Amino acid sequence: MRRNAMLFCVLVLIINPAIATIAQEQVRSANTTEPSASSLSHNTHAASATAAAPSSASGEKEKAAMESSLRIEGEKRFRTNCSRCHMAPHKFPPRVMATAVRHMRVRATLTDEDMRFILYYLTR
């Protein structure tokens, strides 16, 4: 029993830095995409606001199309690399999924790109 507790503590000590790194990467990627969207929404002139409305609508369509293509690519890579042993899991918080994907990256020899697509698929 005591050995299991020690193993659990060691596991937590190993996983926490990985979780923190992934969380920082997600915050950085969210911060890099926000300024362009917020700059479009803060136009003060009426003419520029009406001109920006169609472009923001097309921008939303492009964003939705890009998200769906990322999700589809993530699903393909999940089926290729993970579905041999795992069924698609139910929704878990992104931090839990990031930990699981990082762990399986080593075991399944996934590339960094595969890991990102699979993580996107599992968290959206």
N, C-alpha and C. Protein backbone atom coordinates (compact mmCIF):
# COMPACT_ATOMS: atom_id res chain seq x y z
N MET A 1 0.82 -1.19 0.00
CA MET A 1 0.00 0.00 0.00
C MET A 1 0.86 1.25 0.00
N ARG A 2 1.90 1.22 0.82
CA ARG A 2 2.79 2.37 0.92
C ARG A 2 3.55 2.58 -0.39
N ARG A 3 3.90 1.47 -1.03
CA ARG A 3 4.60 1.54 -2.31
C ARG A 3 3.72 2.19 -3.38
N ASN A 4 2.44 1.86 -3.40
CA ASN A 4 1.50 2.45 -4.35
C ASN A 4 1.38 3.95 -4.13
N ALA A 5 1.36 4.38 -2.89
CA ALA A 5 1.28 5.81 -2.59
C ALA A 5 2.53 6.53 -3.08
N MET A 6 3.67 5.91 -2.91
CA MET A 6 4.91 6.53 -3.37
C MET A 6 4.94 6.60 -4.89
N LEU A 7 4.50 5.55 -5.55
CA LEU A 7 4.44 5.57 -7.01
C LEU A 7 3.49 6.64 -7.51
N PHE A 8 2.37 6.81 -6.85
CA PHE A 8 1.41 7.84 -7.22
C PHE A 8 2.05 9.23 -7.08
N CYS A 9 2.76 9.46 -5.99
CA CYS A 9 3.42 10.76 -5.78
C CYS A 9 4.46 11.03 -6.86
N VAL A 10 5.22 10.03 -7.21
CA VAL A 10 6.23 10.20 -8.27
C VAL A 10 5.55 10.50 -9.60
N LEU A 11 4.48 9.80 -9.89
CA LEU A 11 3.73 10.03 -11.11
C LEU A 11 3.21 11.46 -11.17
N VAL A 12 2.67 11.95 -10.08
CA VAL A 12 2.16 13.33 -10.02
C VAL A 12 3.29 14.32 -10.24
N LEU A 13 4.44 14.07 -9.66
CA LEU A 13 5.58 14.96 -9.82
C LEU A 13 6.07 15.00 -11.27
N ILE A 14 5.93 13.90 -11.98
CA ILE A 14 6.37 13.84 -13.37
C ILE A 14 5.34 14.50 -14.28
N ILE A 15 4.06 14.31 -14.04
CA ILE A 15 3.01 14.79 -14.93
C ILE A 15 2.74 16.29 -14.77
N ASN A 16 2.85 16.83 -13.57
CA ASN A 16 2.52 18.25 -13.36
C ASN A 16 3.31 19.20 -14.25
N PRO A 17 4.61 19.06 -14.43
CA PRO A 17 5.31 19.98 -15.34
C PRO A 17 4.82 19.86 -16.78
N ALA A 18 4.49 18.65 -17.20
CA ALA A 18 3.97 18.47 -18.56
C ALA A 18 2.64 19.19 -18.72
N ILE A 19 1.78 19.08 -17.73
CA ILE A 19 0.48 19.76 -17.78
C ILE A 19 0.68 21.27 -17.82
N ALA A 20 1.58 21.77 -17.02
CA ALA A 20 1.84 23.22 -16.99
C ALA A 20 2.37 23.70 -18.34
N THR A 21 3.24 22.92 -18.96
CA THR A 21 3.78 23.29 -20.26
C THR A 21 2.68 23.33 -21.31
N ILE A 22 1.82 22.34 -21.32
CA ILE A 22 0.73 22.30 -22.28
C ILE A 22 -0.23 23.46 -22.06
N ALA A 23 -0.54 23.77 -20.82
CA ALA A 23 -1.43 24.88 -20.51
C ALA A 23 -0.82 26.20 -20.99
N GLN A 24 0.48 26.37 -20.81
CA GLN A 24 1.14 27.59 -21.28
C GLN A 24 1.10 27.68 -22.80
N GLU A 25 1.27 26.57 -23.50
CA GLU A 25 1.21 26.57 -24.95
C GLU A 25 -0.19 26.95 -25.42
N GLN A 26 -1.22 26.45 -24.74
CA GLN A 26 -2.59 26.78 -25.12
C GLN A 26 -2.88 28.26 -24.89
N VAL A 27 -2.38 28.81 -23.79
CA VAL A 27 -2.58 30.23 -23.52
C VAL A 27 -1.87 31.07 -24.57
N ARG A 28 -0.65 30.68 -24.94
CA ARG A 28 0.09 31.43 -25.96
C ARG A 28 -0.63 31.39 -27.30
N SER A 29 -1.13 30.21 -27.68
CA SER A 29 -1.83 30.12 -28.96
C SER A 29 -3.14 30.89 -28.93
N ALA A 30 -3.82 30.93 -27.79
CA ALA A 30 -5.06 31.70 -27.68
C ALA A 30 -4.75 33.20 -27.74
N ASN A 31 -3.67 33.63 -27.16
CA ASN A 31 -3.30 35.04 -27.17
C ASN A 31 -2.88 35.51 -28.56
N THR A 32 -2.31 34.64 -29.36
CA THR A 32 -1.88 35.05 -30.69
C THR A 32 -3.05 35.18 -31.65
N THR A 33 -4.14 34.47 -31.41
CA THR A 33 -5.29 34.56 -32.31
C THR A 33 -6.29 35.62 -31.89
N GLU A 34 -6.28 36.07 -30.65
CA GLU A 34 -7.25 37.04 -30.18
C GLU A 34 -7.09 38.44 -30.75
N PRO A 35 -5.91 39.02 -30.87
CA PRO A 35 -5.82 40.41 -31.29
C PRO A 35 -6.45 40.70 -32.64
N SER A 36 -6.33 39.82 -33.61
CA SER A 36 -6.91 40.11 -34.91
C SER A 36 -8.43 40.13 -34.84
N ALA A 37 -9.04 39.25 -34.05
CA ALA A 37 -10.49 39.24 -33.92
C ALA A 37 -10.97 40.45 -33.13
N SER A 38 -10.24 40.83 -32.09
CA SER A 38 -10.68 41.97 -31.29
C SER A 38 -10.48 43.28 -32.04
N SER A 39 -9.48 43.36 -32.90
CA SER A 39 -9.28 44.60 -33.66
C SER A 39 -10.41 44.81 -34.65
N LEU A 40 -10.98 43.74 -35.18
CA LEU A 40 -12.12 43.88 -36.08
C LEU A 40 -13.38 44.32 -35.34
N SER A 41 -13.55 43.89 -34.11
CA SER A 41 -14.77 44.20 -33.40
C SER A 41 -14.76 45.57 -32.75
N HIS A 42 -13.62 46.25 -32.68
CA HIS A 42 -13.54 47.54 -32.00
C HIS A 42 -13.46 48.72 -32.97
N ASN A 43 -14.02 48.60 -34.15
CA ASN A 43 -14.03 49.73 -35.09
C ASN A 43 -14.98 50.79 -34.58
N THR A 44 -14.56 52.06 -34.66
CA THR A 44 -15.39 53.14 -34.14
C THR A 44 -16.17 53.86 -35.22
N HIS A 45 -15.74 53.83 -36.45
CA HIS A 45 -16.43 54.52 -37.52
C HIS A 45 -17.55 53.64 -38.05
N ALA A 46 -18.68 54.27 -38.38
CA ALA A 46 -19.83 53.51 -38.87
C ALA A 46 -19.53 52.89 -40.23
N ALA A 47 -18.83 53.60 -41.08
CA ALA A 47 -18.53 53.07 -42.41
C ALA A 47 -17.60 51.87 -42.30
N SER A 48 -16.60 51.97 -41.46
CA SER A 48 -15.68 50.84 -41.33
C SER A 48 -16.35 49.65 -40.66
N ALA A 49 -17.32 49.92 -39.78
CA ALA A 49 -18.05 48.84 -39.12
C ALA A 49 -18.92 48.09 -40.12
N THR A 50 -19.58 48.82 -41.02
CA THR A 50 -20.40 48.15 -42.02
C THR A 50 -19.53 47.41 -43.03
N ALA A 51 -18.36 47.96 -43.34
CA ALA A 51 -17.47 47.29 -44.27
C ALA A 51 -16.85 46.04 -43.63
N ALA A 52 -16.64 46.07 -42.31
CA ALA A 52 -16.02 44.94 -41.63
C ALA A 52 -17.01 43.81 -41.39
N ALA A 53 -18.29 44.09 -41.41
CA ALA A 53 -19.29 43.07 -41.12
C ALA A 53 -19.23 41.91 -42.11
N PRO A 54 -19.22 42.15 -43.45
CA PRO A 54 -19.12 41.01 -44.35
C PRO A 54 -17.81 40.25 -44.21
N SER A 55 -16.72 40.96 -44.00
CA SER A 55 -15.45 40.27 -43.88
C SER A 55 -15.39 39.45 -42.60
N SER A 56 -16.02 39.94 -41.53
CA SER A 56 -16.02 39.16 -40.30
C SER A 56 -16.91 37.93 -40.45
N ALA A 57 -17.99 38.06 -41.23
CA ALA A 57 -18.84 36.89 -41.47
C ALA A 57 -18.08 35.85 -42.29
N SER A 58 -17.35 36.30 -43.30
CA SER A 58 -16.57 35.34 -44.09
C SER A 58 -15.41 34.80 -43.26
N GLY A 59 -14.87 35.64 -42.37
CA GLY A 59 -13.82 35.17 -41.48
C GLY A 59 -14.30 34.09 -40.54
N GLU A 60 -15.54 34.25 -40.07
CA GLU A 60 -16.12 33.22 -39.19
C GLU A 60 -16.33 31.93 -39.95
N LYS A 61 -16.75 32.05 -41.23
CA LYS A 61 -16.94 30.85 -42.04
C LYS A 61 -15.61 30.15 -42.27
N GLU A 62 -14.57 30.94 -42.55
CA GLU A 62 -13.24 30.36 -42.74
C GLU A 62 -12.75 29.69 -41.46
N LYS A 63 -13.00 30.35 -40.33
CA LYS A 63 -12.58 29.79 -39.05
C LYS A 63 -13.31 28.48 -38.77
N ALA A 64 -14.62 28.46 -39.05
CA ALA A 64 -15.40 27.24 -38.84
C ALA A 64 -14.93 26.13 -39.77
N ALA A 65 -14.61 26.49 -41.01
CA ALA A 65 -14.12 25.48 -41.96
C ALA A 65 -12.77 24.94 -41.52
N MET A 66 -11.91 25.84 -41.01
CA MET A 66 -10.59 25.41 -40.55
C MET A 66 -10.72 24.50 -39.33
N GLU A 67 -11.63 24.86 -38.40
CA GLU A 67 -11.83 24.03 -37.22
C GLU A 67 -12.35 22.65 -37.59
N SER A 68 -13.28 22.60 -38.55
CA SER A 68 -13.81 21.29 -38.94
C SER A 68 -12.74 20.47 -39.64
N SER A 69 -11.88 21.12 -40.44
CA SER A 69 -10.81 20.35 -41.10
C SER A 69 -9.79 19.86 -40.08
N LEU A 70 -9.50 20.67 -39.04
CA LEU A 70 -8.60 20.22 -37.98
C LEU A 70 -9.20 19.04 -37.22
N ARG A 71 -10.51 19.12 -36.95
CA ARG A 71 -11.18 18.04 -36.23
C ARG A 71 -11.16 16.76 -37.08
N ILE A 72 -11.41 16.88 -38.37
CA ILE A 72 -11.42 15.72 -39.25
C ILE A 72 -10.03 15.10 -39.33
N GLU A 73 -9.00 15.95 -39.46
CA GLU A 73 -7.63 15.45 -39.51
C GLU A 73 -7.25 14.78 -38.19
N GLY A 74 -7.69 15.35 -37.07
CA GLY A 74 -7.44 14.74 -35.77
C GLY A 74 -8.12 13.39 -35.64
N GLU A 75 -9.34 13.30 -36.16
CA GLU A 75 -10.05 12.02 -36.11
C GLU A 75 -9.34 10.97 -36.97
N LYS A 76 -8.87 11.37 -38.15
CA LYS A 76 -8.13 10.44 -39.00
C LYS A 76 -6.88 9.92 -38.28
N ARG A 77 -6.16 10.83 -37.66
CA ARG A 77 -4.93 10.41 -36.98
C ARG A 77 -5.23 9.59 -35.75
N PHE A 78 -6.35 9.88 -35.06
CA PHE A 78 -6.75 9.05 -33.93
C PHE A 78 -7.05 7.64 -34.41
N ARG A 79 -7.81 7.53 -35.50
CA ARG A 79 -8.15 6.20 -36.01
C ARG A 79 -6.90 5.45 -36.49
N THR A 80 -5.97 6.17 -37.09
CA THR A 80 -4.75 5.54 -37.58
C THR A 80 -3.86 5.06 -36.45
N ASN A 81 -3.68 5.89 -35.42
CA ASN A 81 -2.69 5.60 -34.38
C ASN A 81 -3.27 5.01 -33.10
N CYS A 82 -4.48 5.38 -32.74
CA CYS A 82 -5.00 5.05 -31.41
C CYS A 82 -6.10 4.00 -31.40
N SER A 83 -6.89 3.94 -32.47
CA SER A 83 -8.09 3.10 -32.43
C SER A 83 -7.78 1.61 -32.47
N ARG A 84 -6.53 1.26 -32.74
CA ARG A 84 -6.16 -0.16 -32.68
C ARG A 84 -6.34 -0.70 -31.27
N CYS A 85 -6.10 0.17 -30.27
CA CYS A 85 -6.17 -0.27 -28.87
C CYS A 85 -7.27 0.43 -28.09
N HIS A 86 -7.69 1.62 -28.52
CA HIS A 86 -8.63 2.43 -27.75
C HIS A 86 -9.84 2.83 -28.58
N MET A 87 -10.95 2.92 -27.88
CA MET A 87 -12.12 3.55 -28.47
C MET A 87 -12.03 5.04 -28.16
N ALA A 88 -12.72 5.87 -28.93
CA ALA A 88 -12.69 7.31 -28.64
C ALA A 88 -13.29 7.52 -27.26
N PRO A 89 -12.54 8.18 -26.37
CA PRO A 89 -13.04 8.35 -25.00
C PRO A 89 -14.13 9.40 -24.93
N HIS A 90 -14.87 9.34 -23.84
CA HIS A 90 -15.85 10.38 -23.58
C HIS A 90 -15.11 11.66 -23.32
N LYS A 91 -15.84 12.76 -23.31
CA LYS A 91 -15.19 14.06 -23.12
C LYS A 91 -14.62 14.18 -21.71
N PHE A 92 -13.35 14.51 -21.67
CA PHE A 92 -12.65 14.81 -20.43
C PHE A 92 -12.15 16.24 -20.53
N PRO A 93 -11.79 16.83 -19.41
CA PRO A 93 -11.21 18.18 -19.47
C PRO A 93 -9.93 18.17 -20.32
N PRO A 94 -9.64 19.27 -20.99
CA PRO A 94 -8.46 19.31 -21.86
C PRO A 94 -7.15 18.96 -21.15
N ARG A 95 -7.02 19.33 -19.88
CA ARG A 95 -5.78 19.02 -19.16
C ARG A 95 -5.60 17.52 -18.99
N VAL A 96 -6.70 16.81 -18.72
CA VAL A 96 -6.62 15.35 -18.56
C VAL A 96 -6.28 14.70 -19.90
N MET A 97 -6.93 15.18 -20.95
CA MET A 97 -6.66 14.61 -22.27
C MET A 97 -5.22 14.90 -22.70
N ALA A 98 -4.73 16.08 -22.38
CA ALA A 98 -3.35 16.44 -22.74
C ALA A 98 -2.36 15.50 -22.04
N THR A 99 -2.64 15.19 -20.80
CA THR A 99 -1.78 14.27 -20.06
C THR A 99 -1.80 12.89 -20.69
N ALA A 100 -2.97 12.41 -21.03
CA ALA A 100 -3.09 11.09 -21.63
C ALA A 100 -2.41 11.03 -22.99
N VAL A 101 -2.59 12.07 -23.80
CA VAL A 101 -1.98 12.09 -25.13
C VAL A 101 -0.47 12.17 -25.02
N ARG A 102 0.03 12.97 -24.09
CA ARG A 102 1.49 13.06 -23.89
C ARG A 102 2.05 11.70 -23.48
N HIS A 103 1.34 11.01 -22.60
CA HIS A 103 1.80 9.69 -22.16
C HIS A 103 1.81 8.72 -23.34
N MET A 104 0.76 8.74 -24.13
CA MET A 104 0.67 7.80 -25.23
C MET A 104 1.56 8.19 -26.40
N ARG A 105 1.97 9.44 -26.45
CA ARG A 105 2.88 9.87 -27.52
C ARG A 105 4.17 9.06 -27.47
N VAL A 106 4.66 8.83 -26.28
CA VAL A 106 5.90 8.07 -26.11
C VAL A 106 5.66 6.60 -26.47
N ARG A 107 4.57 6.04 -26.00
CA ARG A 107 4.31 4.62 -26.23
C ARG A 107 3.97 4.32 -27.68
N ALA A 108 3.24 5.21 -28.34
CA ALA A 108 2.80 4.96 -29.71
C ALA A 108 3.72 5.63 -30.73
N THR A 109 4.79 6.25 -30.28
CA THR A 109 5.73 6.98 -31.12
C THR A 109 5.02 7.94 -32.08
N LEU A 110 4.19 8.79 -31.51
CA LEU A 110 3.48 9.79 -32.30
C LEU A 110 4.39 10.98 -32.55
N THR A 111 4.22 11.61 -33.68
CA THR A 111 4.94 12.85 -33.94
C THR A 111 4.26 13.98 -33.18
N ASP A 112 4.94 15.10 -33.08
CA ASP A 112 4.37 16.26 -32.39
C ASP A 112 3.11 16.73 -33.12
N GLU A 113 3.15 16.69 -34.45
CA GLU A 113 2.00 17.11 -35.25
C GLU A 113 0.81 16.17 -35.00
N ASP A 114 1.06 14.86 -34.98
CA ASP A 114 -0.01 13.90 -34.69
C ASP A 114 -0.61 14.17 -33.32
N MET A 115 0.26 14.41 -32.34
CA MET A 115 -0.22 14.66 -30.99
C MET A 115 -1.14 15.89 -30.95
N ARG A 116 -0.75 16.94 -31.63
CA ARG A 116 -1.57 18.17 -31.63
C ARG A 116 -2.93 17.95 -32.29
N PHE A 117 -2.94 17.26 -33.44
CA PHE A 117 -4.21 16.99 -34.11
C PHE A 117 -5.11 16.10 -33.25
N ILE A 118 -4.54 15.07 -32.67
CA ILE A 118 -5.33 14.15 -31.84
C ILE A 118 -5.86 14.87 -30.61
N LEU A 119 -5.03 15.70 -29.99
CA LEU A 119 -5.48 16.47 -28.84
C LEU A 119 -6.60 17.42 -29.21
N TYR A 120 -6.50 18.06 -30.37
CA TYR A 120 -7.56 18.96 -30.83
C TYR A 120 -8.86 18.17 -31.03
N TYR A 121 -8.75 17.00 -31.65
CA TYR A 121 -9.94 16.18 -31.88
C TYR A 121 -10.59 15.74 -30.56
N LEU A 122 -9.78 15.35 -29.59
CA LEU A 122 -10.32 14.82 -28.35
C LEU A 122 -10.87 15.92 -27.42
N THR A 123 -10.44 17.15 -27.59
CA THR A 123 -10.89 18.21 -26.69
C THR A 123 -11.96 19.09 -27.30
N ARG A 124 -12.32 18.93 -28.55
CA ARG A 124 -13.36 19.75 -29.16
C ARG A 124 -14.59 18.94 -29.44
